[in-house]
Amino acid sequence: MKKQVFSILLLLVCAVGYAQKHSKTSAFKSYKGLVMAGYQGWFNAPGDGAGRWWNHYVSHGKFEPGYTNIDIWPDVSEYKKTYLSPFKHADGTDAYLYSSYDSSSVETHFKWMQQYGVDGVFVQRFIGDVQRGRGRNHNDVVLGNALKYSEKYHRAISVMYDLSGMQAGGDSLVIKDWKHLIDSLKLTNRGNKQTWLYHNGKPLVAVWGVGFNDGRRYGLAEAERIINFLKNDPVYGGCAILLGVPTYWRDFGSDTEKDPHLHDLLRKVDIVHPWFVGRFNEDAYPKFQARIVDDIAWCKANKVDYVPTVFPGFSWHNMNPRAPQNQIPRNRGHFYWKQICGAINSGAGMLYIAMFDEVDEGTAILKASKNPPVGLSTFVNYEVGIPNDYYLYLTGYAAKMLRKQVPFTSDVPLPVNHK
């Protein structure tokens, strides 16, 4: 009898704990039917208050013509505050950049999301960068601003923990950070009309970087402890989980750790999310699409959901000079649209766009400059005749097409707002 009473009390304590830390529901009750993008939010500039200099614009300790990590120069004409860079345009005028630390930059991005119909973002959180000091401060400020503007512009939001660079035993750092965010920012406890993305009736948290065979110092044991905490902790748990895995996770292919326990972990989570960036170009995609069909079949058989990655193109020449610039061309939106159509035709009920703002690897969908700087560094343009907002427009159109609000079309929608 005493054991039964204790068990009932324990269940009541768990229920109260969840209720205290998470609101019962959200304005965004499911990832299904949504097109979400990754949001790095990691760019800094001198004078922005973060004390991180030109973080993520810099290359090999320098930021000057010939030294930068970015392959796309963002169009900053609509930002309230911009920062003078050492780069020059062809006419000799100064080139400017934005800082993610500046709240007005984050507001501009969320305003674009609303304007073009991008449903929301996963704010990236690299566990190696958020333990203390300036890195933690920067990421907390960006996430706080993202929460604020997700509410103002009614966009869905979640966090994606990127485990890259985590050491063995680093799961304790993820757990500590989640508690910090829940207590300090009240991520998921902002009322039943909050904008935090829910799934299967629970607040959704993404954990990326599980099962890769690229020499990471952590493994499946750390991932399992993170999953168990987010699902089952009596105070901070009660979450739905999206797990970011390698491309060839299902058949333990070239990028995947050969441990069948990975599939055990996937059966514990709510959404499987394989990473596709750089795995194919436009010509190779049709053959690759068959993989998505088989991935979805595995997920249905194992009662988990599935979200594929879609990316508009890829280029990281300035970061890695041996790589060709414009390595995976956008081809005036055709490459992007082919993936969107392929994913929907394969049965995907939600999409993950890589990425909203990653100008480092040339995957960004934000507005890009049609007049980037010239000189020792060269930048990928959105092609002649393609407006700088085209990929925002295509992303919003994809969301409508996914929800059957507009007819399905394999033809790339023509741009509306030429800029």
Protein backbone atom coordinates (compact mmCIF):
# COMPACT_ATOMS: atom_id res chain seq x y z
CA MET A 1 0.00 0.00 0.00
CA LYS A 2 2.81 2.39 0.93
CA LYS A 3 4.52 1.68 -2.40
CA GLN A 4 1.30 2.46 -4.29
CA VAL A 5 0.89 5.77 -2.44
CA PHE A 6 4.52 6.65 -3.10
CA SER A 7 4.12 5.88 -6.81
CA ILE A 8 1.02 8.06 -7.04
CA LEU A 9 2.77 10.92 -5.24
CA LEU A 10 5.77 10.59 -7.55
CA LEU A 11 3.52 10.81 -10.61
CA LEU A 12 1.81 13.87 -9.16
CA VAL A 13 5.17 15.53 -8.48
CA CYS A 14 6.28 14.80 -12.06
CA ALA A 15 3.05 16.21 -13.49
CA VAL A 16 3.33 19.37 -11.39
CA GLY A 17 6.98 19.77 -12.35
CA TYR A 18 6.22 19.58 -16.06
CA ALA A 19 3.32 21.99 -15.65
CA GLN A 20 5.55 24.50 -13.87
CA LYS A 21 8.28 24.42 -16.52
CA HIS A 22 6.20 24.06 -19.70
CA SER A 23 2.90 25.60 -20.71
CA LYS A 24 0.28 23.06 -21.64
CA THR A 25 0.25 23.93 -25.33
CA SER A 26 1.29 26.51 -27.94
CA ALA A 27 0.02 28.42 -30.93
CA PHE A 28 2.18 25.99 -32.94
CA LYS A 29 0.97 22.54 -31.89
CA SER A 30 2.89 20.43 -34.40
CA TYR A 31 5.82 20.55 -36.79
CA LYS A 32 3.61 18.78 -39.35
CA GLY A 33 2.68 21.11 -42.20
CA LEU A 34 5.45 23.60 -41.40
CA VAL A 35 8.62 24.69 -43.19
CA MET A 36 11.23 25.60 -40.58
CA ALA A 37 14.76 26.89 -41.16
CA GLY A 38 17.94 26.65 -39.16
CA TYR A 39 19.06 29.98 -37.67
CA GLN A 40 22.75 30.29 -36.78
CA GLY A 41 22.64 33.78 -35.27
CA TRP A 42 26.42 33.68 -34.77
CA PHE A 43 27.67 36.83 -36.54
CA ASN A 44 29.34 39.67 -34.66
CA ALA A 45 30.96 43.00 -35.45
CA PRO A 46 33.20 45.37 -33.49
CA GLY A 47 31.07 47.79 -31.52
CA ASP A 48 27.99 45.56 -31.24
CA GLY A 49 28.50 45.11 -27.49
CA ALA A 50 29.28 41.40 -27.56
CA GLY A 51 33.07 41.77 -27.52
CA ARG A 52 33.57 39.04 -30.13
CA TRP A 53 35.02 41.18 -32.96
CA TRP A 54 34.04 39.90 -36.47
CA ASN A 55 33.01 36.46 -35.21
CA HIS A 56 32.13 34.08 -38.08
CA TYR A 57 33.03 36.70 -40.68
CA VAL A 58 36.73 36.28 -39.85
CA SER A 59 39.17 33.80 -41.41
CA HIS A 60 42.50 32.72 -39.89
CA GLY A 61 42.35 35.56 -37.40
CA LYS A 62 41.88 38.22 -40.07
CA PHE A 63 38.96 40.07 -41.62
CA GLU A 64 40.07 41.98 -44.69
CA PRO A 65 40.03 41.44 -48.47
CA GLY A 66 41.42 37.97 -48.99
CA TYR A 67 40.43 36.82 -45.49
CA THR A 68 36.80 36.00 -44.73
CA ASN A 69 34.76 32.89 -44.05
CA ILE A 70 31.61 33.97 -45.88
CA ASP A 71 30.76 33.20 -49.51
CA ILE A 72 27.55 35.25 -49.65
CA TRP A 73 27.54 38.95 -48.74
CA PRO A 74 24.21 39.80 -47.11
CA ASP A 75 22.12 42.70 -48.35
CA VAL A 76 21.98 45.07 -45.37
CA SER A 77 19.90 47.85 -46.93
CA GLU A 78 16.93 47.10 -44.64
CA TYR A 79 18.81 46.76 -41.34
CA LYS A 80 18.44 49.56 -38.79
CA LYS A 81 22.06 49.27 -37.69
CA THR A 82 25.03 48.10 -39.74
CA TYR A 83 28.77 47.94 -39.16
CA LEU A 84 31.58 49.26 -41.35
CA SER A 85 33.74 46.49 -42.79
CA PRO A 86 37.23 46.67 -44.37
CA PHE A 87 35.74 45.70 -47.76
CA LYS A 88 34.91 48.00 -50.68
CA HIS A 89 32.38 47.92 -53.50
CA ALA A 90 33.42 48.30 -57.14
CA ASP A 91 32.71 52.04 -57.01
CA GLY A 92 35.00 52.46 -54.00
CA THR A 93 32.27 52.88 -51.40
CA ASP A 94 32.46 51.09 -48.06
CA ALA A 95 30.71 47.76 -47.53
CA TYR A 96 28.72 47.12 -44.35
CA LEU A 97 27.56 44.05 -42.46
CA TYR A 98 25.06 43.20 -39.72
CA SER A 99 25.55 41.70 -36.27
CA SER A 100 23.32 38.91 -34.96
CA TYR A 101 23.85 40.31 -31.45
CA ASP A 102 21.99 43.48 -32.43
CA SER A 103 18.29 43.01 -31.65
CA SER A 104 17.28 45.04 -34.70
CA SER A 105 18.99 42.47 -36.96
CA VAL A 106 16.99 39.65 -35.41
CA GLU A 107 13.80 41.67 -35.77
CA THR A 108 14.54 42.26 -39.47
CA HIS A 109 14.90 38.51 -39.99
CA PHE A 110 11.66 37.62 -38.22
CA LYS A 111 9.84 40.37 -40.09
CA TRP A 112 11.03 38.79 -43.35
CA MET A 113 9.85 35.38 -42.14
CA GLN A 114 6.37 36.78 -41.61
CA GLN A 115 6.41 38.77 -44.85
CA TYR A 116 7.38 35.79 -47.01
CA GLY A 117 5.66 33.00 -45.08
CA VAL A 118 8.64 31.16 -43.57
CA ASP A 119 6.98 29.35 -40.66
CA GLY A 120 9.81 29.69 -38.16
CA VAL A 121 13.33 28.69 -37.13
CA PHE A 122 15.39 26.41 -34.95
CA VAL A 123 17.90 28.67 -33.19
CA GLN A 124 21.23 26.83 -33.27
CA ARG A 125 23.05 26.34 -29.98
CA PHE A 126 26.56 24.88 -30.17
CA ILE A 127 27.22 23.26 -26.83
CA GLY A 128 30.94 24.13 -26.97
CA ASP A 129 30.14 27.84 -27.23
CA VAL A 130 27.55 28.36 -24.49
CA GLN A 131 29.23 27.30 -21.28
CA ARG A 132 30.43 30.66 -20.00
CA GLY A 133 31.64 34.14 -20.83
CA ARG A 134 31.07 35.98 -24.08
CA GLY A 135 29.94 32.91 -26.01
CA ARG A 136 27.14 32.15 -23.59
CA ASN A 137 26.16 35.79 -23.32
CA HIS A 138 25.98 36.18 -27.10
CA ASN A 139 23.88 33.06 -27.59
CA ASP A 140 21.52 33.91 -24.73
CA VAL A 141 20.98 37.42 -26.10
CA VAL A 142 20.30 36.15 -29.63
CA LEU A 143 17.89 33.49 -28.36
CA GLY A 144 16.13 36.00 -26.12
CA ASN A 145 15.66 38.38 -29.05
CA ALA A 146 14.48 35.51 -31.26
CA LEU A 147 11.85 34.59 -28.67
CA LYS A 148 10.70 38.20 -28.48
CA TYR A 149 10.35 38.63 -32.21
CA SER A 150 8.88 35.19 -32.80
CA GLU A 151 6.02 36.39 -30.63
CA LYS A 152 5.77 39.79 -32.33
CA TYR A 153 5.71 38.28 -35.84
CA HIS A 154 3.98 35.03 -34.86
CA ARG A 155 6.66 32.63 -36.07
CA ALA A 156 7.36 29.18 -34.59
CA ILE A 157 10.61 28.79 -32.68
CA SER A 158 12.66 26.04 -31.08
CA VAL A 159 16.28 25.35 -30.08
CA MET A 160 18.60 22.98 -31.90
CA TYR A 161 21.52 21.77 -29.81
CA ASP A 162 24.47 21.10 -32.10
CA LEU A 163 26.75 18.62 -30.33
CA SER A 164 29.69 19.21 -32.72
CA GLY A 165 32.86 19.69 -30.71
CA MET A 166 31.39 18.19 -27.54
CA GLN A 167 33.74 16.04 -25.48
CA ALA A 168 33.06 12.65 -23.94
CA GLY A 169 30.67 13.11 -21.04
CA GLY A 170 29.44 16.39 -22.46
CA ASP A 171 25.81 15.39 -22.03
CA SER A 172 25.97 16.97 -18.57
CA LEU A 173 26.69 20.33 -20.24
CA VAL A 174 23.60 20.04 -22.44
CA ILE A 175 21.46 19.18 -19.43
CA LYS A 176 22.90 22.09 -17.44
CA ASP A 177 22.31 24.49 -20.33
CA TRP A 178 18.70 23.38 -20.87
CA LYS A 179 17.96 23.98 -17.20
CA HIS A 180 19.61 27.40 -17.47
CA LEU A 181 17.50 28.35 -20.49
CA ILE A 182 14.24 27.10 -19.00
CA ASP A 183 14.84 28.97 -15.74
CA SER A 184 16.30 32.20 -17.18
CA LEU A 185 14.39 32.67 -20.45
CA LYS A 186 11.27 30.61 -19.65
CA LEU A 187 11.48 29.17 -23.14
CA THR A 188 8.40 26.97 -23.00
CA ASN A 189 6.37 28.61 -20.24
CA ARG A 190 4.91 31.69 -21.89
CA GLY A 191 1.26 30.74 -21.92
CA ASN A 192 -0.84 28.51 -24.16
CA LYS A 193 -0.59 30.96 -27.06
CA GLN A 194 3.21 31.04 -26.96
CA THR A 195 5.19 30.51 -30.16
CA TRP A 196 7.44 27.66 -28.99
CA LEU A 197 7.01 24.77 -31.41
CA TYR A 198 5.22 21.76 -29.92
CA HIS A 199 4.96 18.27 -31.36
CA ASN A 200 2.95 15.30 -30.12
CA GLY A 201 1.59 17.53 -27.36
CA LYS A 202 5.02 18.46 -25.97
CA PRO A 203 7.57 21.26 -26.45
CA LEU A 204 9.98 20.24 -29.21
CA VAL A 205 13.75 20.31 -28.71
CA ALA A 206 16.23 19.38 -31.46
CA VAL A 207 19.50 17.55 -30.78
CA TRP A 208 21.82 17.43 -33.80
CA GLY A 209 24.96 15.41 -34.44
CA VAL A 210 24.19 11.84 -33.33
CA GLY A 211 25.60 8.75 -35.04
CA PHE A 212 28.25 10.41 -37.21
CA ASN A 213 31.50 8.49 -37.77
CA ASP A 214 33.76 11.53 -38.23
CA GLY A 215 35.86 11.09 -35.10
CA ARG A 216 33.63 12.81 -32.56
CA ARG A 217 34.69 12.32 -28.95
CA TYR A 218 31.17 11.71 -27.71
CA GLY A 219 28.98 8.85 -28.80
CA LEU A 220 25.60 7.22 -28.50
CA ALA A 221 25.87 6.92 -24.71
CA GLU A 222 25.94 10.71 -24.31
CA ALA A 223 23.11 11.11 -26.81
CA GLU A 224 20.99 8.57 -24.95
CA ARG A 225 21.44 10.36 -21.63
CA ILE A 226 20.39 13.66 -23.26
CA ILE A 227 17.32 12.00 -24.80
CA ASN A 228 16.32 10.37 -21.52
CA PHE A 229 16.69 13.66 -19.65
CA LEU A 230 14.65 15.69 -22.12
CA LYS A 231 11.94 13.04 -22.20
CA ASN A 232 11.79 11.92 -18.58
CA ASP A 233 13.25 14.42 -16.14
CA PRO A 234 10.48 15.14 -13.60
CA VAL A 235 11.06 18.89 -13.67
CA TYR A 236 12.73 19.90 -16.95
CA GLY A 237 11.69 16.98 -19.15
CA GLY A 238 8.42 16.15 -20.84
CA CYS A 239 9.76 17.24 -24.23
CA ALA A 240 9.39 15.95 -27.76
CA ILE A 241 12.74 15.37 -29.48
CA LEU A 242 14.01 15.84 -33.01
CA LEU A 243 17.26 13.92 -33.54
CA GLY A 244 19.71 15.11 -36.21
CA VAL A 245 21.53 12.17 -37.77
CA PRO A 246 23.80 11.43 -40.76
CA THR A 247 22.50 11.06 -44.30
CA TYR A 248 22.95 7.29 -44.37
CA TRP A 249 21.60 6.59 -40.88
CA ARG A 250 19.12 3.91 -41.97
CA ASP A 251 21.58 1.52 -43.64
CA PHE A 252 24.72 2.56 -41.69
CA GLY A 253 26.37 4.00 -44.79
CA SER A 254 29.53 6.01 -45.36
CA ASP A 255 28.91 8.82 -42.84
CA THR A 256 27.33 6.74 -40.07
CA GLU A 257 28.67 4.93 -37.03
CA LYS A 258 28.16 1.18 -37.45
CA ASP A 259 26.28 0.66 -34.21
CA PRO A 260 22.72 -0.73 -34.38
CA HIS A 261 21.95 1.00 -31.07
CA LEU A 262 21.49 4.18 -33.13
CA HIS A 263 18.18 2.76 -34.33
CA ASP A 264 17.16 2.06 -30.73
CA LEU A 265 17.68 5.74 -29.96
CA LEU A 266 15.70 6.79 -33.02
CA ARG A 267 12.76 4.73 -31.85
CA LYS A 268 12.78 6.74 -28.63
CA VAL A 269 12.46 10.15 -30.26
CA ASP A 270 9.66 11.91 -32.10
CA ILE A 271 11.31 13.09 -35.34
CA VAL A 272 14.24 11.75 -37.38
CA HIS A 273 16.17 14.48 -39.21
CA PRO A 274 19.00 13.41 -41.57
CA TRP A 275 21.55 15.95 -42.82
CA PHE A 276 21.84 16.25 -46.61
CA VAL A 277 23.91 19.41 -47.22
CA GLY A 278 26.70 18.71 -49.70
CA ARG A 279 25.58 15.15 -50.40
CA PHE A 280 24.27 15.77 -53.94
CA ASN A 281 23.92 18.36 -56.65
CA GLU A 282 20.99 18.95 -58.99
CA ASP A 283 21.93 16.16 -61.40
CA ALA A 284 22.36 13.58 -58.62
CA TYR A 285 19.22 14.46 -56.68
CA PRO A 286 16.64 12.35 -58.58
CA LYS A 287 18.51 9.17 -57.66
CA PHE A 288 18.93 10.38 -54.09
CA GLN A 289 15.18 10.95 -53.73
CA ALA A 290 14.64 7.20 -53.50
CA ARG A 291 16.52 7.30 -50.19
CA ILE A 292 13.98 9.73 -48.75
CA VAL A 293 11.14 7.37 -49.73
CA ASP A 294 12.84 4.48 -47.93
CA ASP A 295 13.67 6.66 -44.92
CA ILE A 296 10.01 7.62 -44.55
CA ALA A 297 8.95 3.98 -44.82
CA TRP A 298 11.33 3.04 -41.96
CA CYS A 299 10.00 5.88 -39.82
CA LYS A 300 6.38 4.92 -40.43
CA ALA A 301 7.13 1.30 -39.53
CA ASN A 302 8.79 2.46 -36.31
CA LYS A 303 6.15 5.06 -35.43
CA VAL A 304 8.34 8.16 -35.59
CA ASP A 305 8.05 11.21 -37.80
CA TYR A 306 10.58 12.34 -40.41
CA VAL A 307 11.83 15.68 -41.71
CA PRO A 308 14.30 15.91 -44.62
CA THR A 309 16.85 18.66 -45.12
CA VAL A 310 16.48 20.99 -48.10
CA PHE A 311 19.23 23.43 -49.07
CA PRO A 312 19.36 26.04 -51.87
CA GLY A 313 23.02 25.57 -52.85
CA PHE A 314 26.46 25.28 -51.29
CA SER A 315 29.71 27.24 -51.41
CA TRP A 316 32.52 27.60 -48.85
CA HIS A 317 35.45 28.63 -51.03
CA ASN A 318 36.50 31.61 -48.89
CA MET A 319 36.59 29.35 -45.83
CA ASN A 320 38.26 26.48 -47.71
CA PRO A 321 40.12 27.89 -50.74
CA ARG A 322 40.74 24.41 -52.19
CA ALA A 323 36.99 23.99 -52.66
CA PRO A 324 35.54 25.54 -55.82
CA GLN A 325 33.34 28.56 -55.38
CA ASN A 326 29.67 27.93 -56.03
CA GLN A 327 30.39 24.23 -55.56
CA ILE A 328 26.71 23.23 -55.72
CA PRO A 329 25.02 25.88 -57.90
CA ARG A 330 21.55 27.19 -57.13
CA ASN A 331 20.67 27.32 -60.82
CA ARG A 332 18.16 30.13 -60.43
CA GLY A 333 16.17 28.26 -57.78
CA HIS A 334 15.80 25.02 -59.76
CA PHE A 335 18.02 22.98 -57.43
CA TYR A 336 16.10 24.18 -54.34
CA TRP A 337 12.70 23.61 -55.90
CA LYS A 338 13.58 20.15 -57.15
CA GLN A 339 14.33 19.10 -53.56
CA ILE A 340 11.15 20.69 -52.21
CA CYS A 341 9.02 18.89 -54.79
CA GLY A 342 10.91 15.66 -54.27
CA ALA A 343 10.41 15.75 -50.52
CA ILE A 344 6.69 16.46 -50.79
CA ASN A 345 6.21 13.79 -53.47
CA SER A 346 8.08 11.31 -51.27
CA GLY A 347 5.59 11.85 -48.46
CA ALA A 348 7.40 14.31 -46.20
CA GLY A 349 4.91 16.22 -44.06
CA MET A 350 7.38 18.88 -42.89
CA LEU A 351 10.61 20.44 -44.16
CA TYR A 352 13.85 21.70 -42.61
CA ILE A 353 15.65 24.41 -44.58
CA ALA A 354 19.42 24.73 -44.23
CA MET A 355 19.80 27.58 -43.47
CA PHE A 356 18.21 30.98 -42.93
CA ASP A 357 21.43 32.93 -42.41
CA GLU A 358 24.45 30.70 -43.05
CA VAL A 359 26.35 32.87 -45.50
CA ASP A 360 29.50 30.99 -44.40
CA GLU A 361 28.65 27.91 -46.46
CA GLY A 362 26.49 29.63 -49.03
CA THR A 363 23.26 27.97 -47.91
CA ALA A 364 21.49 31.14 -46.70
CA ILE A 365 17.99 32.04 -47.87
CA LEU A 366 18.10 35.59 -46.48
CA LYS A 367 18.44 38.60 -48.77
CA ALA A 368 21.85 38.62 -50.43
CA SER A 369 23.67 41.59 -51.91
CA LYS A 370 23.41 42.08 -55.66
CA ASN A 371 26.47 44.33 -55.35
CA PRO A 372 28.96 42.50 -53.12
CA PRO A 373 32.46 43.82 -52.47
CA VAL A 374 35.19 43.24 -55.03
CA GLY A 375 38.89 42.50 -54.71
CA LEU A 376 40.86 39.61 -53.24
CA SER A 377 37.72 37.94 -51.89
CA THR A 378 34.90 37.01 -54.27
CA PHE A 379 31.30 36.24 -53.38
CA VAL A 380 28.47 34.14 -54.82
CA ASN A 381 25.60 36.18 -56.21
CA TYR A 382 21.96 35.13 -56.57
CA GLU A 383 22.46 35.17 -60.36
CA VAL A 384 21.47 37.76 -62.93
CA GLY A 385 17.75 38.44 -62.99
CA ILE A 386 17.12 36.68 -59.66
CA PRO A 387 15.87 39.09 -56.96
CA ASN A 388 17.63 39.17 -53.63
CA ASP A 389 14.50 37.92 -51.83
CA TYR A 390 13.84 34.99 -54.19
CA TYR A 391 14.75 32.19 -51.76
CA LEU A 392 12.59 33.68 -49.02
CA TYR A 393 9.75 33.80 -51.53
CA LEU A 394 10.32 30.18 -52.64
CA THR A 395 10.43 29.01 -49.02
CA GLY A 396 7.10 30.66 -48.24
CA TYR A 397 5.57 29.23 -51.42
CA ALA A 398 6.84 25.79 -50.43
CA ALA A 399 5.06 26.09 -47.07
CA LYS A 400 1.78 26.87 -48.82
CA MET A 401 2.29 24.01 -51.25
CA LEU A 402 3.08 21.60 -48.41
CA ARG A 403 -0.22 22.53 -46.72
CA LYS A 404 -2.10 22.34 -50.05
CA GLN A 405 -3.00 26.04 -49.85
CA VAL A 406 -1.74 26.39 -53.43
CA PRO A 407 -1.64 23.71 -56.15
CA PHE A 408 1.44 21.51 -56.33
CA THR A 409 3.78 22.56 -59.15
CA SER A 410 7.11 21.11 -60.21
CA ASP A 411 7.82 24.33 -62.13
CA VAL A 412 9.81 26.86 -60.13
CA PRO A 413 7.46 29.72 -59.16
CA LEU A 414 8.44 32.94 -60.86
CA PRO A 415 9.68 35.68 -58.54
CA VAL A 416 7.21 38.39 -57.62
CA ASN A 417 9.18 41.14 -55.93
CA HIS A 418 12.18 41.98 -58.08
CA LYS A 419 14.87 43.83 -56.12
